[in-house]
Amino acid sequence: MAKKFYYFNVAFSQLGLETQSVIVKHPTPRMTHLRLLEAQTSLGIRASSAIISVSFLGRMTEKQWNEER
């Protein structure tokens, strides 16, 4: 059986720049402070940016994530 992951979309806003978002995939459902910092760092934005939203996208395998239907 394929391993399932939890997927989140995290959006950040930074003064003077467009809103940016990133998909976070993790084996546990908790969106921790460290995971938010990692998401922020992956976008290359400052720590002073604001988190606009954290959206849960679902729990699924990588195959399901990549399917179009």
C-alpha atoms as a PDB file:
ATOM      1  CA  MET A   1       0.000   0.000   0.000  1.00  0.00           C
ATOM      2  CA  ALA A   2       1.364   3.408  -0.984  1.00  0.00           C
ATOM      3  CA  LYS A   3       2.179   5.858   1.790  1.00  0.00           C
ATOM      4  CA  LYS A   4      -0.232   8.759   2.172  1.00  0.00           C
ATOM      5  CA  PHE A   5       0.842  12.317   2.931  1.00  0.00           C
ATOM      6  CA  TYR A   6      -0.974  15.428   4.132  1.00  0.00           C
ATOM      7  CA  TYR A   7      -0.890  18.333   1.684  1.00  0.00           C
ATOM      8  CA  PHE A   8      -1.262  22.013   2.601  1.00  0.00           C
ATOM      9  CA  ASN A   9      -1.107  25.247   0.633  1.00  0.00           C
ATOM     10  CA  VAL A  10       0.538  28.033   2.636  1.00  0.00           C
ATOM     11  CA  ALA A  11       0.271  31.638   1.400  1.00  0.00           C
ATOM     12  CA  PHE A  12       2.446  34.544   2.527  1.00  0.00           C
ATOM     13  CA  SER A  13       2.306  38.282   1.930  1.00  0.00           C
ATOM     14  CA  GLN A  14       5.280  40.601   2.082  1.00  0.00           C
ATOM     15  CA  LEU A  15       5.153  44.395   1.846  1.00  0.00           C
ATOM     16  CA  GLY A  16       5.877  45.543  -1.699  1.00  0.00           C
ATOM     17  CA  LEU A  17       5.725  42.065  -3.239  1.00  0.00           C
ATOM     18  CA  GLU A  18       3.020  39.831  -4.650  1.00  0.00           C
ATOM     19  CA  THR A  19       1.422  37.200  -2.451  1.00  0.00           C
ATOM     20  CA  GLN A  20       3.278  33.886  -2.781  1.00  0.00           C
ATOM     21  CA  SER A  21       2.260  30.362  -1.872  1.00  0.00           C
ATOM     22  CA  VAL A  22       3.859  26.947  -1.572  1.00  0.00           C
ATOM     23  CA  ILE A  23       2.604  23.380  -1.231  1.00  0.00           C
ATOM     24  CA  VAL A  24       3.767  21.563   1.914  1.00  0.00           C
ATOM     25  CA  LYS A  25       3.704  17.747   1.968  1.00  0.00           C
ATOM     26  CA  HIS A  26       4.225  15.890   5.236  1.00  0.00           C
ATOM     27  CA  PRO A  27       3.486  12.445   6.713  1.00  0.00           C
ATOM     28  CA  THR A  28       1.722  13.956   9.761  1.00  0.00           C
ATOM     29  CA  PRO A  29      -1.267  16.338   9.788  1.00  0.00           C
ATOM     30  CA  ARG A  30       0.283  18.984  12.020  1.00  0.00           C
ATOM     31  CA  MET A  31       1.304  22.326  10.529  1.00  0.00           C
ATOM     32  CA  THR A  32       3.939  23.386  13.063  1.00  0.00           C
ATOM     33  CA  HIS A  33       5.918  26.596  13.445  1.00  0.00           C
ATOM     34  CA  LEU A  34       8.995  24.866  12.004  1.00  0.00           C
ATOM     35  CA  ARG A  35       7.062  23.725   8.921  1.00  0.00           C
ATOM     36  CA  LEU A  36       5.779  27.256   8.379  1.00  0.00           C
ATOM     37  CA  LEU A  37       9.341  28.599   8.612  1.00  0.00           C
ATOM     38  CA  GLU A  38      10.525  25.959   6.121  1.00  0.00           C
ATOM     39  CA  ALA A  39       7.731  26.954   3.733  1.00  0.00           C
ATOM     40  CA  GLN A  40       8.682  30.613   4.106  1.00  0.00           C
ATOM     41  CA  THR A  41      12.368  29.863   3.504  1.00  0.00           C
ATOM     42  CA  SER A  42      11.587  27.790   0.402  1.00  0.00           C
ATOM     43  CA  LEU A  43      10.019  30.903  -1.153  1.00  0.00           C
ATOM     44  CA  GLY A  44      13.007  33.074  -0.230  1.00  0.00           C
ATOM     45  CA  ILE A  45      10.944  35.654   1.625  1.00  0.00           C
ATOM     46  CA  ARG A  46      11.678  37.485   4.868  1.00  0.00           C
ATOM     47  CA  ALA A  47      10.682  36.245   8.291  1.00  0.00           C
ATOM     48  CA  SER A  48       8.629  39.435   8.687  1.00  0.00           C
ATOM     49  CA  SER A  49       6.185  38.325   5.992  1.00  0.00           C
ATOM     50  CA  ALA A  50       2.615  37.616   7.044  1.00  0.00           C
ATOM     51  CA  ILE A  51       0.904  34.251   6.734  1.00  0.00           C
ATOM     52  CA  ILE A  52      -2.269  34.873   4.760  1.00  0.00           C
ATOM     53  CA  SER A  53      -3.690  31.360   4.829  1.00  0.00           C
ATOM     54  CA  VAL A  54      -3.038  27.691   5.467  1.00  0.00           C
ATOM     55  CA  SER A  55      -5.352  25.472   3.448  1.00  0.00           C
ATOM     56  CA  PHE A  56      -5.625  21.719   3.910  1.00  0.00           C
ATOM     57  CA  LEU A  57      -5.692  20.071   0.485  1.00  0.00           C
ATOM     58  CA  GLY A  58      -6.150  16.482   1.591  1.00  0.00           C
ATOM     59  CA  ARG A  59      -4.475  13.225   2.540  1.00  0.00           C
ATOM     60  CA  MET A  60      -3.359  11.214  -0.458  1.00  0.00           C
ATOM     61  CA  THR A  61      -0.600   9.223  -2.086  1.00  0.00           C
ATOM     62  CA  GLU A  62       1.855  10.919  -4.435  1.00  0.00           C
ATOM     63  CA  LYS A  63       0.141   9.111  -7.315  1.00  0.00           C
ATOM     64  CA  GLN A  64      -3.223  10.579  -6.310  1.00  0.00           C
ATOM     65  CA  TRP A  65      -1.631  14.029  -5.948  1.00  0.00           C
ATOM     66  CA  ASN A  66      -0.278  13.854  -9.489  1.00  0.00           C
ATOM     67  CA  GLU A  67      -3.441  12.470 -11.125  1.00  0.00           C
ATOM     68  CA  GLU A  68      -5.604  14.809 -13.138  1.00  0.00           C
ATOM     69  CA  ARG A  69      -8.850  13.051 -12.277  1.00  0.00           C
END
